[in-house]
Amino acid sequence: MSRVGKKPIQVIKDIKISKKDRDIEISGPKGKLSLSVVGDIDVNVSDGEINVTRKNDFKKNKALHGLYRALMQNMITGVTEGFSKKLELVGIGYRAELKGNTLLMQLGYSHPVVFNPPPEIKLEVVNQTTIIISGIDKQLVGLIASKIRSFRPPEPYKGKGIKYDFEVIRRKAGKTAAK
C-alpha cells in the first residue's frame, strides 16, 4: 500500500463533500473545488473522513493512489485556509503596482510587463517589490507564481530578477581582468 494513500483524510464540520460517480466536489468557507477520479481508484466518504483505496496493484494504480489522496487533502486545505506564494523583485528600478486586477511591473525592459491573472487568483502588492499570490487551488497558485517569475528569473551574477521569498540565489564570481 502507498504510505500516503492509505492515510485517511480528516474532514472538519464546515466542509461539504458531494460525490457523483467519479466526480468529487469539496466546498468550504473560501469556495469550492472539484476533481475527477480516473483509473481503478475508489473514494469512500464516511462520517468525518475520506478514504482512498485502489482495486489492484497495477503500477499505474499504485501511482494514482497517493496522488489522489494528496490532491483531495490539498482541496480541503484550500477551501478552508487557502494557499499563497510570495515573490520579491530584486534590482534597481524593479517595481510592481496593481491597477484594478492587472499587475504592472517594471523589470528593466523598455516597456512595462502587464499580467492579467485568472479570476480565481487574488494578487496583492505589499510594497513596490513584494507580490503575494493567493487562492484556493494550490496548483493554480503555483502556476501563476511561476509564470510571473518567468518574466525575469533571477540571474546569478548580480541576483537581479523575480524570486520566491524562500529562494536563495547562488552567486557566481564575474570575470577577472587578466594582467
Protein backbone atom coordinates (compact mmCIF):
# COMPACT_ATOMS: atom_id res chain seq x y z
CA MET A 1 0.00 0.00 0.00
CA SER A 2 1.00 3.57 -0.59
CA ARG A 3 2.08 5.25 2.63
CA VAL A 4 0.40 8.49 1.63
CA GLY A 5 -2.63 6.86 0.03
CA LYS A 6 -3.64 4.69 2.97
CA LYS A 7 -3.90 7.59 5.43
CA PRO A 8 -7.50 8.77 5.90
CA ILE A 9 -8.25 12.45 5.33
CA GLN A 10 -9.93 14.12 8.31
CA VAL A 11 -12.85 16.36 7.36
CA ILE A 12 -13.89 19.27 9.56
CA LYS A 13 -17.54 20.11 10.13
CA ASP A 14 -17.83 23.17 7.87
CA ILE A 15 -16.79 21.28 4.71
CA LYS A 16 -19.36 19.67 2.41
CA ILE A 17 -18.33 16.79 0.16
CA SER A 18 -20.50 15.58 -2.69
CA LYS A 19 -19.67 12.54 -4.79
CA LYS A 20 -21.29 11.78 -8.15
CA ASP A 21 -19.91 8.71 -9.94
CA ARG A 22 -16.21 9.60 -10.48
CA ASP A 23 -16.51 13.33 -9.65
CA ILE A 24 -15.87 14.73 -6.18
CA GLU A 25 -16.76 18.28 -5.18
CA ILE A 26 -15.49 19.80 -1.96
CA SER A 27 -16.94 23.10 -0.77
CA GLY A 28 -15.98 25.16 2.24
CA PRO A 29 -15.91 28.72 3.55
CA LYS A 30 -13.49 30.02 0.86
CA GLY A 31 -15.10 28.37 -2.18
CA LYS A 32 -15.49 25.03 -3.91
CA LEU A 33 -13.20 22.75 -5.91
CA SER A 34 -13.90 19.64 -7.95
CA LEU A 35 -11.83 16.64 -9.01
CA SER A 36 -12.48 13.85 -11.48
CA VAL A 37 -11.03 10.49 -10.40
CA VAL A 38 -9.71 8.18 -13.14
CA GLY A 39 -8.35 4.64 -13.02
CA ASP A 40 -9.25 1.92 -10.55
CA ILE A 41 -9.24 4.28 -7.56
CA ASP A 42 -12.20 4.33 -5.18
CA VAL A 43 -13.04 7.22 -2.89
CA ASN A 44 -15.17 6.44 0.16
CA VAL A 45 -16.71 9.34 2.05
CA SER A 46 -17.82 8.34 5.53
CA ASP A 47 -18.61 10.37 8.61
CA GLY A 48 -15.69 12.67 9.29
CA GLU A 49 -13.14 11.18 6.90
CA ILE A 50 -12.28 10.29 3.31
CA ASN A 51 -10.56 7.02 2.43
CA VAL A 52 -8.85 6.43 -0.91
CA THR A 53 -8.36 2.81 -2.00
CA ARG A 54 -7.24 1.05 -5.14
CA LYS A 55 -8.74 -2.09 -6.66
CA ASN A 56 -5.49 -3.77 -7.75
CA ASP A 57 -1.72 -3.40 -7.61
CA PHE A 58 -1.02 -2.35 -11.17
CA LYS A 59 1.80 0.17 -11.46
CA LYS A 60 -0.49 2.94 -12.76
CA ASN A 61 -2.95 2.49 -9.90
CA LYS A 62 -0.17 2.47 -7.32
CA ALA A 63 1.00 5.83 -8.65
CA LEU A 64 -2.52 7.31 -8.70
CA HIS A 65 -3.37 6.08 -5.19
CA GLY A 66 -1.19 8.53 -3.27
CA LEU A 67 -1.68 11.26 -5.87
CA TYR A 68 -5.47 11.42 -5.47
CA ARG A 69 -5.23 11.34 -1.69
CA ALA A 70 -2.78 14.27 -1.76
CA LEU A 71 -4.94 16.20 -4.25
CA MET A 72 -8.02 15.80 -2.04
CA GLN A 73 -6.07 16.86 1.06
CA ASN A 74 -4.92 19.98 -0.83
CA MET A 75 -8.51 20.68 -1.87
CA ILE A 76 -9.67 20.54 1.75
CA THR A 77 -6.81 22.79 2.87
CA GLY A 78 -7.58 25.19 0.01
CA VAL A 79 -11.28 25.64 0.78
CA THR A 80 -10.59 26.16 4.50
CA GLU A 81 -7.29 28.10 4.69
CA GLY A 82 -6.21 28.82 1.10
CA PHE A 83 -2.71 28.91 -0.36
CA SER A 84 -0.33 31.77 -1.04
CA LYS A 85 3.10 32.39 -2.55
CA LYS A 86 5.28 35.44 -2.06
CA LEU A 87 7.51 36.88 -4.80
CA GLU A 88 10.21 39.51 -4.39
CA LEU A 89 11.53 41.84 -7.09
CA VAL A 90 15.28 42.41 -6.73
CA GLY A 91 17.05 45.06 -8.80
CA ILE A 92 17.36 48.79 -9.22
CA GLY A 93 14.16 50.20 -10.69
CA TYR A 94 12.28 46.90 -10.42
CA ARG A 95 8.82 47.56 -9.06
CA ALA A 96 5.25 46.34 -9.27
CA GLU A 97 1.88 48.00 -8.93
CA LEU A 98 -1.70 46.81 -9.09
CA LYS A 99 -4.24 48.67 -11.22
CA GLY A 100 -7.62 47.07 -10.70
CA ASN A 101 -6.87 43.39 -11.18
CA THR A 102 -3.96 43.99 -13.58
CA LEU A 103 -0.36 43.68 -12.40
CA LEU A 104 2.06 46.18 -13.95
CA MET A 105 5.77 45.51 -13.46
CA GLN A 106 8.87 47.49 -14.38
CA LEU A 107 11.58 44.86 -14.85
CA GLY A 108 14.36 46.66 -16.67
CA TYR A 109 12.81 46.30 -20.11
CA SER A 110 11.92 49.30 -22.28
CA HIS A 111 8.24 48.62 -21.61
CA PRO A 112 6.17 47.65 -18.55
CA VAL A 113 5.20 43.99 -18.23
CA VAL A 114 1.42 43.59 -17.92
CA PHE A 115 -0.11 40.47 -16.35
CA ASN A 116 -3.83 39.69 -16.01
CA PRO A 117 -4.44 36.83 -13.52
CA PRO A 118 -7.39 34.45 -13.77
CA PRO A 119 -10.43 35.39 -11.66
CA GLU A 120 -9.75 32.65 -9.06
CA ILE A 121 -6.41 34.23 -8.12
CA LYS A 122 -6.01 37.27 -5.87
CA LEU A 123 -2.88 39.39 -6.29
CA GLU A 124 -1.66 41.77 -3.62
CA VAL A 125 1.27 44.19 -3.85
CA VAL A 126 2.50 44.77 -0.29
CA ASN A 127 5.17 47.26 -1.29
CA GLN A 128 6.76 48.02 -4.65
CA THR A 129 8.99 44.94 -4.51
CA THR A 130 6.74 42.29 -2.92
CA ILE A 131 3.86 40.44 -4.59
CA ILE A 132 1.59 37.94 -2.83
CA ILE A 133 -0.39 35.46 -4.94
CA SER A 134 -3.25 33.72 -3.12
CA GLY A 135 -6.13 31.42 -3.98
CA ILE A 136 -7.83 28.15 -3.06
CA ASP A 137 -6.28 25.96 -5.77
CA LYS A 138 -2.69 25.04 -4.85
CA GLN A 139 -1.77 24.06 -8.40
CA LEU A 140 -3.09 27.29 -9.91
CA VAL A 141 -1.36 29.48 -7.29
CA GLY A 142 1.97 27.79 -8.04
CA LEU A 143 1.41 28.06 -11.80
CA ILE A 144 0.68 31.80 -11.64
CA ALA A 145 3.68 32.39 -9.34
CA SER A 146 6.00 30.58 -11.77
CA LYS A 147 4.50 32.48 -14.72
CA ILE A 148 5.19 35.83 -13.05
CA ARG A 149 8.70 34.66 -12.08
CA SER A 150 9.40 33.67 -15.70
CA PHE A 151 9.16 37.31 -16.84
CA ARG A 152 12.58 37.96 -15.26
CA PRO A 153 14.13 34.95 -13.48
CA PRO A 154 16.97 35.79 -11.07
CA GLU A 155 20.42 35.85 -12.61
CA PRO A 156 23.49 34.52 -10.75
CA TYR A 157 25.88 37.49 -11.13
CA LYS A 158 24.02 40.37 -9.52
CA GLY A 159 20.97 38.46 -8.25
CA LYS A 160 18.54 40.69 -10.14
CA GLY A 161 15.13 39.35 -11.09
CA ILE A 162 11.93 37.97 -9.56
CA LYS A 163 12.46 35.33 -6.89
CA TYR A 164 10.40 33.43 -4.35
CA ASP A 165 10.78 34.75 -0.80
CA PHE A 166 12.41 31.50 0.37
CA GLU A 167 14.69 31.16 -2.67
CA VAL A 168 18.43 31.60 -2.25
CA ILE A 169 20.31 32.73 -5.34
CA ARG A 170 23.75 31.13 -5.70
CA ARG A 171 26.04 33.91 -6.80
CA LYS A 172 28.86 33.48 -9.31
CA ALA A 173 32.07 35.46 -9.48
CA GLY A 174 32.35 37.59 -12.59
CA LYS A 175 35.29 37.69 -14.97
CA THR A 176 38.58 38.86 -13.55
CA ALA A 177 40.82 41.12 -15.57
CA ALA A 178 43.94 39.37 -16.87
CA LYS A 179 47.33 41.02 -16.38
